Amino acid sequence: MAAAAGPAPSFKRLPRAVRERQMLDAAVRVFARRGFHAASMDEIAEDAGISKPMVYAYLGTKDELFLACLHREGTRIMEALVAVVRPDLPPDEQMWRGLRAFFRYVGQNRDGWVVLFRQARGRSRAAGALAEMRARIIEIVTGMLGRAVPVDGRPVRPNDLTAVAYALVGAAESMADRLASDPAADPDRTAARMMNIAWLGAAQLLAGSVWRPDQP
Protein backbone atom coordinates (compact mmCIF):
# COMPACT_ATOMS: atom_id res chain seq x y z
CA MET A 1 0.00 0.00 0.00
CA ALA A 2 1.45 3.30 -1.04
CA ALA A 3 2.27 5.73 1.69
CA ALA A 4 0.00 8.71 1.92
CA ALA A 5 1.45 11.80 0.35
CA GLY A 6 2.57 14.41 2.84
CA PRO A 7 1.40 17.98 2.76
CA ALA A 8 2.72 20.12 -0.07
CA PRO A 9 5.69 22.24 0.98
CA SER A 10 4.77 25.79 1.81
CA PHE A 11 6.89 28.84 1.14
CA LYS A 12 6.83 31.79 3.43
CA ARG A 13 5.49 34.88 1.73
CA LEU A 14 7.44 37.95 2.72
CA PRO A 15 5.67 41.29 3.15
CA ARG A 16 5.86 43.51 0.07
CA ALA A 17 7.99 46.09 1.88
CA VAL A 18 10.59 43.44 2.72
CA ARG A 19 10.67 42.16 -0.86
CA GLU A 20 11.06 45.67 -2.22
CA ARG A 21 13.90 46.38 0.19
CA GLN A 22 15.67 43.22 -0.98
CA MET A 23 15.27 44.28 -4.60
CA LEU A 24 16.46 47.82 -3.99
CA ASP A 25 19.45 46.61 -1.97
CA ALA A 26 20.42 44.30 -4.82
CA ALA A 27 19.81 46.96 -7.46
CA VAL A 28 21.99 49.48 -5.65
CA ARG A 29 24.82 46.95 -5.42
CA VAL A 30 24.58 46.04 -9.10
CA PHE A 31 24.18 49.62 -10.36
CA ALA A 32 27.17 50.71 -8.27
CA ARG A 33 29.26 47.81 -9.53
CA ARG A 34 28.22 47.81 -13.19
CA GLY A 35 26.81 51.24 -13.92
CA PHE A 36 23.31 51.78 -15.28
CA HIS A 37 23.87 50.63 -18.86
CA ALA A 38 25.88 47.50 -18.05
CA ALA A 39 23.58 46.42 -15.20
CA SER A 40 21.00 43.82 -16.17
CA MET A 41 17.69 42.95 -14.60
CA ASP A 42 18.78 39.29 -14.63
CA GLU A 43 21.78 40.11 -12.43
CA ILE A 44 19.69 42.24 -10.10
CA ALA A 45 17.10 39.48 -9.72
CA GLU A 46 19.82 36.88 -9.09
CA ASP A 47 21.50 39.13 -6.50
CA ALA A 48 18.16 39.60 -4.74
CA GLY A 49 17.40 35.87 -4.85
CA ILE A 50 14.10 36.32 -6.69
CA SER A 51 12.76 35.94 -10.21
CA LYS A 52 13.14 38.65 -12.84
CA PRO A 53 9.36 38.83 -13.46
CA MET A 54 8.91 39.63 -9.76
CA VAL A 55 11.30 42.59 -10.06
CA TYR A 56 9.27 43.94 -12.97
CA ALA A 57 6.01 43.32 -11.13
CA TYR A 58 7.13 45.14 -7.99
CA LEU A 59 9.31 47.99 -9.29
CA GLY A 60 8.85 48.21 -13.04
CA THR A 61 11.46 48.71 -15.75
CA LYS A 62 15.17 49.22 -15.22
CA ASP A 63 14.68 53.00 -15.53
CA GLU A 64 11.93 52.93 -12.92
CA LEU A 65 14.02 50.70 -10.66
CA PHE A 66 16.96 53.09 -10.93
CA LEU A 67 14.76 56.06 -10.00
CA ALA A 68 13.40 54.08 -7.04
CA CYS A 69 16.99 53.52 -5.87
CA LEU A 70 17.73 57.24 -6.15
CA HIS A 71 14.57 58.15 -4.28
CA ARG A 72 15.35 55.74 -1.45
CA GLU A 73 18.97 56.83 -1.03
CA GLY A 74 18.04 60.51 -1.22
CA THR A 75 15.30 59.98 1.36
CA ARG A 76 17.77 58.24 3.66
CA ILE A 77 20.13 61.21 3.50
CA MET A 78 17.35 63.69 4.23
CA GLU A 79 16.06 61.59 7.13
CA ALA A 80 19.57 61.36 8.57
CA LEU A 81 19.93 65.15 8.46
CA VAL A 82 16.48 65.97 9.79
CA ALA A 83 16.95 63.54 12.68
CA VAL A 84 19.96 65.43 14.09
CA VAL A 85 19.65 69.07 12.99
CA ARG A 86 17.43 70.77 15.58
CA PRO A 87 16.77 74.54 15.54
CA ASP A 88 17.24 74.78 19.33
CA LEU A 89 20.93 73.81 19.04
CA PRO A 90 23.72 76.37 18.53
CA PRO A 91 24.38 76.92 14.80
CA ASP A 92 27.83 75.34 14.84
CA GLU A 93 26.44 72.27 16.62
CA GLN A 94 23.68 72.03 14.01
CA MET A 95 26.20 72.05 11.18
CA TRP A 96 28.52 69.57 12.93
CA ARG A 97 25.69 67.13 13.55
CA GLY A 98 24.45 67.51 9.99
CA LEU A 99 27.89 66.92 8.49
CA ARG A 100 28.56 63.95 10.73
CA ALA A 101 25.22 62.36 9.85
CA PHE A 102 25.82 62.97 6.14
CA PHE A 103 29.30 61.44 6.08
CA ARG A 104 28.21 58.54 8.27
CA TYR A 105 25.49 57.77 5.74
CA VAL A 106 28.09 57.75 2.97
CA GLY A 107 30.46 55.57 5.01
CA GLN A 108 27.71 53.04 5.72
CA ASN A 109 26.15 53.16 2.23
CA ARG A 110 29.04 53.55 -0.18
CA ASP A 111 27.21 51.79 -3.00
CA GLY A 112 24.19 54.01 -2.44
CA TRP A 113 26.34 57.12 -2.71
CA VAL A 114 27.98 55.88 -5.91
CA VAL A 115 24.57 55.39 -7.49
CA LEU A 116 23.24 58.68 -6.16
CA PHE A 117 26.20 60.92 -6.93
CA ARG A 118 27.98 59.28 -9.88
CA GLN A 119 25.46 57.17 -11.77
CA ALA A 120 22.60 59.67 -11.65
CA ARG A 121 24.53 62.27 -13.61
CA GLY A 122 24.01 62.08 -17.33
CA ARG A 123 20.51 60.63 -17.09
CA SER A 124 17.88 63.32 -17.51
CA ARG A 125 15.18 61.94 -15.20
CA ALA A 126 17.73 60.84 -12.61
CA ALA A 127 19.55 64.17 -12.75
CA GLY A 128 16.27 65.93 -11.98
CA ALA A 129 15.73 63.80 -8.88
CA LEU A 130 19.31 64.48 -7.77
CA ALA A 131 18.89 68.23 -8.32
CA GLU A 132 15.73 68.20 -6.21
CA MET A 133 17.53 66.48 -3.35
CA ARG A 134 20.45 68.92 -3.55
CA ALA A 135 18.05 71.85 -3.48
CA ARG A 136 16.52 70.56 -0.25
CA ILE A 137 19.93 70.08 1.35
CA ILE A 138 20.99 73.57 0.28
CA GLU A 139 17.79 74.90 1.83
CA ILE A 140 18.69 73.21 5.14
CA VAL A 141 22.23 74.61 5.08
CA THR A 142 21.00 78.09 4.16
CA GLY A 143 18.63 77.95 7.12
CA MET A 144 21.44 76.97 9.49
CA LEU A 145 23.61 79.83 8.25
CA GLY A 146 20.71 82.23 8.44
CA ARG A 147 20.11 81.33 12.07
CA ALA A 148 23.81 81.73 12.85
CA VAL A 149 24.00 85.32 11.70
CA PRO A 150 21.32 86.82 14.00
CA VAL A 151 23.00 85.15 16.98
CA ASP A 152 25.99 87.45 16.48
CA GLY A 153 23.94 90.43 15.32
CA ARG A 154 25.65 90.64 11.93
CA PRO A 155 23.79 91.86 8.86
CA VAL A 156 24.22 89.62 5.84
CA ARG A 157 22.80 89.66 2.35
CA PRO A 158 20.56 86.71 1.39
CA ASN A 159 22.59 86.12 -1.78
CA ASP A 160 25.69 85.61 0.35
CA LEU A 161 23.90 83.00 2.45
CA THR A 162 22.80 81.11 -0.65
CA ALA A 163 26.24 81.31 -2.27
CA VAL A 164 27.93 79.96 0.86
CA ALA A 165 25.36 77.15 1.12
CA TYR A 166 25.96 76.09 -2.49
CA ALA A 167 29.73 76.14 -1.94
CA LEU A 168 29.53 74.09 1.25
CA VAL A 169 27.21 71.48 -0.26
CA GLY A 170 29.45 71.14 -3.32
CA ALA A 171 32.54 70.72 -1.15
CA ALA A 172 30.78 68.16 1.06
CA GLU A 173 29.73 66.16 -2.01
CA SER A 174 33.31 66.06 -3.29
CA MET A 175 34.62 64.91 0.09
CA ALA A 176 31.84 62.33 0.31
CA ASP A 177 32.79 60.97 -3.10
CA ARG A 178 36.38 60.60 -1.91
CA LEU A 179 35.15 58.87 1.25
CA ALA A 180 33.07 56.44 -0.79
CA SER A 181 36.15 55.47 -2.82
CA ASP A 182 38.32 54.75 0.22
CA PRO A 183 37.09 51.97 2.53
CA ALA A 184 39.70 52.98 5.11
CA ALA A 185 38.50 56.59 5.32
CA ASP A 186 36.78 57.53 8.57
CA PRO A 187 33.42 59.34 8.24
CA ASP A 188 33.79 61.29 11.50
CA ARG A 189 37.27 62.53 10.61
CA THR A 190 35.99 63.55 7.20
CA ALA A 191 33.15 65.43 8.91
CA ALA A 192 35.61 67.19 11.21
CA ARG A 193 37.75 68.31 8.27
CA MET A 194 34.70 69.59 6.45
CA MET A 195 33.50 71.35 9.61
CA ASN A 196 36.75 73.28 9.85
CA ILE A 197 36.57 74.29 6.21
CA ALA A 198 32.88 75.12 6.36
CA TRP A 199 32.41 76.79 9.70
CA LEU A 200 35.62 78.78 9.96
CA GLY A 201 35.51 79.92 6.35
CA ALA A 202 31.81 80.70 6.33
CA ALA A 203 32.04 82.57 9.64
CA GLN A 204 34.61 85.02 8.23
CA LEU A 205 32.64 85.61 5.04
CA LEU A 206 29.36 86.14 6.83
CA ALA A 207 31.12 88.48 9.26
CA GLY A 208 31.96 90.71 6.31
CA SER A 209 35.56 89.66 5.65
CA VAL A 210 35.97 89.59 1.88
CA TRP A 211 39.11 88.85 -0.11
CA ARG A 212 39.79 91.20 -3.01
CA PRO A 213 42.48 91.00 -5.69
CA ASP A 214 45.20 93.65 -5.79
CA GLN A 215 44.15 94.62 -9.31
CA PRO A 216 40.47 95.25 -10.14
C-alpha atoms as a PDB file:
ATOM      1  CA  MET A   1       0.000   0.000   0.000  1.00  0.00           C
ATOM      2  CA  ALA A   2       1.455   3.299  -1.042  1.00  0.00           C
ATOM      3  CA  ALA A   3       2.265   5.725   1.690  1.00  0.00           C
ATOM      4  CA  ALA A   4      -0.003   8.713   1.921  1.00  0.00           C
ATOM      5  CA  ALA A   5       1.452  11.804   0.347  1.00  0.00           C
ATOM      6  CA  GLY A   6       2.574  14.407   2.838  1.00  0.00           C
ATOM      7  CA  PRO A   7       1.395  17.982   2.761  1.00  0.00           C
ATOM      8  CA  ALA A   8       2.722  20.120  -0.073  1.00  0.00           C
ATOM      9  CA  PRO A   9       5.686  22.241   0.982  1.00  0.00           C
ATOM     10  CA  SER A  10       4.766  25.785   1.811  1.00  0.00           C
ATOM     11  CA  PHE A  11       6.887  28.838   1.136  1.00  0.00           C
ATOM     12  CA  LYS A  12       6.834  31.793   3.432  1.00  0.00           C
ATOM     13  CA  ARG A  13       5.490  34.884   1.726  1.00  0.00           C
ATOM     14  CA  LEU A  14       7.437  37.949   2.721  1.00  0.00           C
ATOM     15  CA  PRO A  15       5.674  41.291   3.149  1.00  0.00           C
ATOM     16  CA  ARG A  16       5.864  43.505   0.071  1.00  0.00           C
ATOM     17  CA  ALA A  17       7.995  46.089   1.882  1.00  0.00           C
ATOM     18  CA  VAL A  18      10.593  43.438   2.720  1.00  0.00           C
ATOM     19  CA  ARG A  19      10.671  42.155  -0.859  1.00  0.00           C
ATOM     20  CA  GLU A  20      11.064  45.668  -2.224  1.00  0.00           C
ATOM     21  CA  ARG A  21      13.903  46.378   0.189  1.00  0.00           C
ATOM     22  CA  GLN A  22      15.674  43.220  -0.980  1.00  0.00           C
ATOM     23  CA  MET A  23      15.270  44.276  -4.598  1.00  0.00           C
ATOM     24  CA  LEU A  24      16.456  47.821  -3.986  1.00  0.00           C
ATOM     25  CA  ASP A  25      19.449  46.612  -1.973  1.00  0.00           C
ATOM     26  CA  ALA A  26      20.417  44.296  -4.816  1.00  0.00           C
ATOM     27  CA  ALA A  27      19.807  46.959  -7.462  1.00  0.00           C
ATOM     28  CA  VAL A  28      21.987  49.481  -5.645  1.00  0.00           C
ATOM     29  CA  ARG A  29      24.815  46.954  -5.422  1.00  0.00           C
ATOM     30  CA  VAL A  30      24.578  46.041  -9.100  1.00  0.00           C
ATOM     31  CA  PHE A  31      24.183  49.617 -10.358  1.00  0.00           C
ATOM     32  CA  ALA A  32      27.167  50.709  -8.267  1.00  0.00           C
ATOM     33  CA  ARG A  33      29.263  47.811  -9.529  1.00  0.00           C
ATOM     34  CA  ARG A  34      28.219  47.815 -13.187  1.00  0.00           C
ATOM     35  CA  GLY A  35      26.812  51.244 -13.924  1.00  0.00           C
ATOM     36  CA  PHE A  36      23.308  51.776 -15.280  1.00  0.00           C
ATOM     37  CA  HIS A  37      23.871  50.632 -18.859  1.00  0.00           C
ATOM     38  CA  ALA A  38      25.876  47.497 -18.046  1.00  0.00           C
ATOM     39  CA  ALA A  39      23.584  46.420 -15.202  1.00  0.00           C
ATOM     40  CA  SER A  40      20.999  43.817 -16.166  1.00  0.00           C
ATOM     41  CA  MET A  41      17.686  42.946 -14.597  1.00  0.00           C
ATOM     42  CA  ASP A  42      18.784  39.292 -14.626  1.00  0.00           C
ATOM     43  CA  GLU A  43      21.783  40.106 -12.434  1.00  0.00           C
ATOM     44  CA  ILE A  44      19.694  42.244 -10.095  1.00  0.00           C
ATOM     45  CA  ALA A  45      17.103  39.477  -9.715  1.00  0.00           C
ATOM     46  CA  GLU A  46      19.819  36.882  -9.087  1.00  0.00           C
ATOM     47  CA  ASP A  47      21.504  39.128  -6.503  1.00  0.00           C
ATOM     48  CA  ALA A  48      18.158  39.598  -4.740  1.00  0.00           C
ATOM     49  CA  GLY A  49      17.400  35.874  -4.853  1.00  0.00           C
ATOM     50  CA  ILE A  50      14.100  36.318  -6.692  1.00  0.00           C
ATOM     51  CA  SER A  51      12.763  35.941 -10.213  1.00  0.00           C
ATOM     52  CA  LYS A  52      13.138  38.652 -12.836  1.00  0.00           C
ATOM     53  CA  PRO A  53       9.364  38.833 -13.458  1.00  0.00           C
ATOM     54  CA  MET A  54       8.907  39.630  -9.764  1.00  0.00           C
ATOM     55  CA  VAL A  55      11.296  42.588 -10.063  1.00  0.00           C
ATOM     56  CA  TYR A  56       9.270  43.944 -12.974  1.00  0.00           C
ATOM     57  CA  ALA A  57       6.009  43.317 -11.131  1.00  0.00           C
ATOM     58  CA  TYR A  58       7.133  45.141  -7.994  1.00  0.00           C
ATOM     59  CA  LEU A  59       9.314  47.991  -9.285  1.00  0.00           C
ATOM     60  CA  GLY A  60       8.847  48.207 -13.037  1.00  0.00           C
ATOM     61  CA  THR A  61      11.457  48.709 -15.755  1.00  0.00           C
ATOM     62  CA  LYS A  62      15.165  49.224 -15.221  1.00  0.00           C
ATOM     63  CA  ASP A  63      14.679  53.000 -15.525  1.00  0.00           C
ATOM     64  CA  GLU A  64      11.927  52.927 -12.921  1.00  0.00           C
ATOM     65  CA  LEU A  65      14.015  50.698 -10.657  1.00  0.00           C
ATOM     66  CA  PHE A  66      16.958  53.091 -10.933  1.00  0.00           C
ATOM     67  CA  LEU A  67      14.759  56.056 -10.001  1.00  0.00           C
ATOM     68  CA  ALA A  68      13.403  54.076  -7.042  1.00  0.00           C
ATOM     69  CA  CYS A  69      16.988  53.524  -5.871  1.00  0.00           C
ATOM     70  CA  LEU A  70      17.726  57.245  -6.149  1.00  0.00           C
ATOM     71  CA  HIS A  71      14.575  58.153  -4.284  1.00  0.00           C
ATOM     72  CA  ARG A  72      15.351  55.742  -1.455  1.00  0.00           C
ATOM     73  CA  GLU A  73      18.970  56.829  -1.029  1.00  0.00           C
ATOM     74  CA  GLY A  74      18.040  60.509  -1.215  1.00  0.00           C
ATOM     75  CA  THR A  75      15.300  59.983   1.362  1.00  0.00           C
ATOM     76  CA  ARG A  76      17.768  58.243   3.662  1.00  0.00           C
ATOM     77  CA  ILE A  77      20.127  61.215   3.496  1.00  0.00           C
ATOM     78  CA  MET A  78      17.350  63.695   4.233  1.00  0.00           C
ATOM     79  CA  GLU A  79      16.059  61.595   7.128  1.00  0.00           C
ATOM     80  CA  ALA A  80      19.572  61.359   8.572  1.00  0.00           C
ATOM     81  CA  LEU A  81      19.930  65.149   8.459  1.00  0.00           C
ATOM     82  CA  VAL A  82      16.477  65.969   9.788  1.00  0.00           C
ATOM     83  CA  ALA A  83      16.954  63.537  12.685  1.00  0.00           C
ATOM     84  CA  VAL A  84      19.956  65.433  14.094  1.00  0.00           C
ATOM     85  CA  VAL A  85      19.646  69.074  12.993  1.00  0.00           C
ATOM     86  CA  ARG A  86      17.433  70.765  15.579  1.00  0.00           C
ATOM     87  CA  PRO A  87      16.766  74.538  15.540  1.00  0.00           C
ATOM     88  CA  ASP A  88      17.244  74.778  19.328  1.00  0.00           C
ATOM     89  CA  LEU A  89      20.928  73.810  19.042  1.00  0.00           C
ATOM     90  CA  PRO A  90      23.724  76.367  18.533  1.00  0.00           C
ATOM     91  CA  PRO A  91      24.376  76.918  14.800  1.00  0.00           C
ATOM     92  CA  ASP A  92      27.833  75.338  14.842  1.00  0.00           C
ATOM     93  CA  GLU A  93      26.435  72.265  16.619  1.00  0.00           C
ATOM     94  CA  GLN A  94      23.683  72.032  14.007  1.00  0.00           C
ATOM     95  CA  MET A  95      26.203  72.050  11.184  1.00  0.00           C
ATOM     96  CA  TRP A  96      28.518  69.575  12.930  1.00  0.00           C
ATOM     97  CA  ARG A  97      25.688  67.126  13.549  1.00  0.00           C
ATOM     98  CA  GLY A  98      24.453  67.513   9.994  1.00  0.00           C
ATOM     99  CA  LEU A  99      27.894  66.916   8.485  1.00  0.00           C
ATOM    100  CA  ARG A 100      28.562  63.948  10.729  1.00  0.00           C
ATOM    101  CA  ALA A 101      25.216  62.360   9.849  1.00  0.00           C
ATOM    102  CA  PHE A 102      25.821  62.971   6.144  1.00  0.00           C
ATOM    103  CA  PHE A 103      29.295  61.443   6.079  1.00  0.00           C
ATOM    104  CA  ARG A 104      28.215  58.535   8.266  1.00  0.00           C
ATOM    105  CA  TYR A 105      25.490  57.774   5.741  1.00  0.00           C
ATOM    106  CA  VAL A 106      28.095  57.746   2.966  1.00  0.00           C
ATOM    107  CA  GLY A 107      30.457  55.571   5.010  1.00  0.00           C
ATOM    108  CA  GLN A 108      27.714  53.039   5.718  1.00  0.00           C
ATOM    109  CA  ASN A 109      26.148  53.162   2.233  1.00  0.00           C
ATOM    110  CA  ARG A 110      29.043  53.551  -0.180  1.00  0.00           C
ATOM    111  CA  ASP A 111      27.206  51.792  -3.004  1.00  0.00           C
ATOM    112  CA  GLY A 112      24.195  54.009  -2.437  1.00  0.00           C
ATOM    113  CA  TRP A 113      26.336  57.118  -2.707  1.00  0.00           C
ATOM    114  CA  VAL A 114      27.984  55.881  -5.907  1.00  0.00           C
ATOM    115  CA  VAL A 115      24.572  55.392  -7.488  1.00  0.00           C
ATOM    116  CA  LEU A 116      23.237  58.681  -6.165  1.00  0.00           C
ATOM    117  CA  PHE A 117      26.201  60.917  -6.929  1.00  0.00           C
ATOM    118  CA  ARG A 118      27.977  59.283  -9.883  1.00  0.00           C
ATOM    119  CA  GLN A 119      25.465  57.167 -11.772  1.00  0.00           C
ATOM    120  CA  ALA A 120      22.599  59.675 -11.651  1.00  0.00           C
ATOM    121  CA  ARG A 121      24.526  62.269 -13.615  1.00  0.00           C
ATOM    122  CA  GLY A 122      24.013  62.077 -17.328  1.00  0.00           C
ATOM    123  CA  ARG A 123      20.513  60.634 -17.090  1.00  0.00           C
ATOM    124  CA  SER A 124      17.878  63.319 -17.508  1.00  0.00           C
ATOM    125  CA  ARG A 125      15.180  61.938 -15.199  1.00  0.00           C
ATOM    126  CA  ALA A 126      17.731  60.843 -12.610  1.00  0.00           C
ATOM    127  CA  ALA A 127      19.546  64.174 -12.752  1.00  0.00           C
ATOM    128  CA  GLY A 128      16.267  65.930 -11.985  1.00  0.00           C
ATOM    129  CA  ALA A 129      15.734  63.799  -8.882  1.00  0.00           C
ATOM    130  CA  LEU A 130      19.309  64.478  -7.770  1.00  0.00           C
ATOM    131  CA  ALA A 131      18.889  68.229  -8.322  1.00  0.00           C
ATOM    132  CA  GLU A 132      15.729  68.204  -6.205  1.00  0.00           C
ATOM    133  CA  MET A 133      17.528  66.481  -3.348  1.00  0.00           C
ATOM    134  CA  ARG A 134      20.455  68.919  -3.549  1.00  0.00           C
ATOM    135  CA  ALA A 135      18.050  71.850  -3.482  1.00  0.00           C
ATOM    136  CA  ARG A 136      16.515  70.556  -0.246  1.00  0.00           C
ATOM    137  CA  ILE A 137      19.926  70.075   1.354  1.00  0.00           C
ATOM    138  CA  ILE A 138      20.990  73.573   0.281  1.00  0.00           C
ATOM    139  CA  GLU A 139      17.791  74.900   1.834  1.00  0.00           C
ATOM    140  CA  ILE A 140      18.688  73.209   5.136  1.00  0.00           C
ATOM    141  CA  VAL A 141      22.235  74.608   5.084  1.00  0.00           C
ATOM    142  CA  THR A 142      20.996  78.087   4.163  1.00  0.00           C
ATOM    143  CA  GLY A 143      18.629  77.946   7.115  1.00  0.00           C
ATOM    144  CA  MET A 144      21.439  76.971   9.486  1.00  0.00           C
ATOM    145  CA  LEU A 145      23.614  79.826   8.245  1.00  0.00           C
ATOM    146  CA  GLY A 146      20.706  82.233   8.441  1.00  0.00           C
ATOM    147  CA  ARG A 147      20.112  81.333  12.071  1.00  0.00           C
ATOM    148  CA  ALA A 148      23.806  81.732  12.855  1.00  0.00           C
ATOM    149  CA  VAL A 149      23.997  85.321  11.697  1.00  0.00           C
ATOM    150  CA  PRO A 150      21.316  86.819  14.004  1.00  0.00           C
ATOM    151  CA  VAL A 151      23.000  85.149  16.976  1.00  0.00           C
ATOM    152  CA  ASP A 152      25.994  87.452  16.485  1.00  0.00           C
ATOM    153  CA  GLY A 153      23.936  90.427  15.319  1.00  0.00           C
ATOM    154  CA  ARG A 154      25.651  90.641  11.931  1.00  0.00           C
ATOM    155  CA  PRO A 155      23.791  91.855   8.863  1.00  0.00           C
ATOM    156  CA  VAL A 156      24.220  89.619   5.839  1.00  0.00           C
ATOM    157  CA  ARG A 157      22.798  89.656   2.346  1.00  0.00           C
ATOM    158  CA  PRO A 158      20.557  86.713   1.387  1.00  0.00           C
ATOM    159  CA  ASN A 159      22.587  86.122  -1.780  1.00  0.00           C
ATOM    160  CA  ASP A 160      25.693  85.615   0.352  1.00  0.00           C
ATOM    161  CA  LEU A 161      23.900  83.000   2.445  1.00  0.00           C
ATOM    162  CA  THR A 162      22.801  81.114  -0.654  1.00  0.00           C
ATOM    163  CA  ALA A 163      26.237  81.311  -2.268  1.00  0.00           C
ATOM    164  CA  VAL A 164      27.930  79.962   0.861  1.00  0.00           C
ATOM    165  CA  ALA A 165      25.362  77.147   1.123  1.00  0.00           C
ATOM    166  CA  TYR A 166      25.962  76.095  -2.494  1.00  0.00           C
ATOM    167  CA  ALA A 167      29.733  76.143  -1.943  1.00  0.00           C
ATOM    168  CA  LEU A 168      29.528  74.087   1.246  1.00  0.00           C
ATOM    169  CA  VAL A 169      27.207  71.476  -0.261  1.00  0.00           C
ATOM    170  CA  GLY A 170      29.446  71.137  -3.315  1.00  0.00           C
ATOM    171  CA  ALA A 171      32.543  70.717  -1.153  1.00  0.00           C
ATOM    172  CA  ALA A 172      30.781  68.162   1.059  1.00  0.00           C
ATOM    173  CA  GLU A 173      29.727  66.160  -2.006  1.00  0.00           C
ATOM    174  CA  SER A 174      33.312  66.055  -3.286  1.00  0.00           C
ATOM    175  CA  MET A 175      34.624  64.908   0.094  1.00  0.00           C
ATOM    176  CA  ALA A 176      31.838  62.328   0.314  1.00  0.00           C
ATOM    177  CA  ASP A 177      32.792  60.974  -3.100  1.00  0.00           C
ATOM    178  CA  ARG A 178      36.382  60.602  -1.908  1.00  0.00           C
ATOM    179  CA  LEU A 179      35.150  58.874   1.253  1.00  0.00           C
ATOM    180  CA  ALA A 180      33.065  56.438  -0.790  1.00  0.00           C
ATOM    181  CA  SER A 181      36.146  55.472  -2.816  1.00  0.00           C
ATOM    182  CA  ASP A 182      38.317  54.754   0.220  1.00  0.00           C
ATOM    183  CA  PRO A 183      37.085  51.968   2.529  1.00  0.00           C
ATOM    184  CA  ALA A 184      39.697  52.978   5.105  1.00  0.00           C
ATOM    185  CA  ALA A 185      38.500  56.588   5.315  1.00  0.00           C
ATOM    186  CA  ASP A 186      36.783  57.533   8.574  1.00  0.00           C
ATOM    187  CA  PRO A 187      33.424  59.338   8.238  1.00  0.00           C
ATOM    188  CA  ASP A 188      33.790  61.288  11.503  1.00  0.00           C
ATOM    189  CA  ARG A 189      37.268  62.527  10.605  1.00  0.00           C
ATOM    190  CA  THR A 190      35.988  63.554   7.201  1.00  0.00           C
ATOM    191  CA  ALA A 191      33.148  65.428   8.906  1.00  0.00           C
ATOM    192  CA  ALA A 192      35.614  67.193  11.212  1.00  0.00           C
ATOM    193  CA  ARG A 193      37.755  68.309   8.275  1.00  0.00           C
ATOM    194  CA  MET A 194      34.697  69.587   6.451  1.00  0.00           C
ATOM    195  CA  MET A 195      33.503  71.345   9.606  1.00  0.00           C
ATOM    196  CA  ASN A 196      36.755  73.278   9.853  1.00  0.00           C
ATOM    197  CA  ILE A 197      36.569  74.288   6.208  1.00  0.00           C
ATOM    198  CA  ALA A 198      32.883  75.123   6.356  1.00  0.00           C
ATOM    199  CA  TRP A 199      32.405  76.791   9.701  1.00  0.00           C
ATOM    200  CA  LEU A 200      35.618  78.782   9.963  1.00  0.00           C
ATOM    201  CA  GLY A 201      35.515  79.920   6.349  1.00  0.00           C
ATOM    202  CA  ALA A 202      31.805  80.702   6.331  1.00  0.00           C
ATOM    203  CA  ALA A 203      32.043  82.568   9.636  1.00  0.00           C
ATOM    204  CA  GLN A 204      34.605  85.015   8.228  1.00  0.00           C
ATOM    205  CA  LEU A 205      32.643  85.608   5.043  1.00  0.00           C
ATOM    206  CA  LEU A 206      29.356  86.135   6.831  1.00  0.00           C
ATOM    207  CA  ALA A 207      31.119  88.482   9.257  1.00  0.00           C
ATOM    208  CA  GLY A 208      31.958  90.710   6.312  1.00  0.00           C
ATOM    209  CA  SER A 209      35.559  89.664   5.654  1.00  0.00           C
ATOM    210  CA  VAL A 210      35.967  89.591   1.883  1.00  0.00           C
ATOM    211  CA  TRP A 211      39.113  88.847  -0.107  1.00  0.00           C
ATOM    212  CA  ARG A 212      39.787  91.196  -3.015  1.00  0.00           C
ATOM    213  CA  PRO A 213      42.482  91.000  -5.687  1.00  0.00           C
ATOM    214  CA  ASP A 214      45.197  93.654  -5.789  1.00  0.00           C
ATOM    215  CA  GLN A 215      44.152  94.618  -9.311  1.00  0.00           C
ATOM    216  CA  PRO A 216      40.471  95.245 -10.138  1.00  0.00           C
END
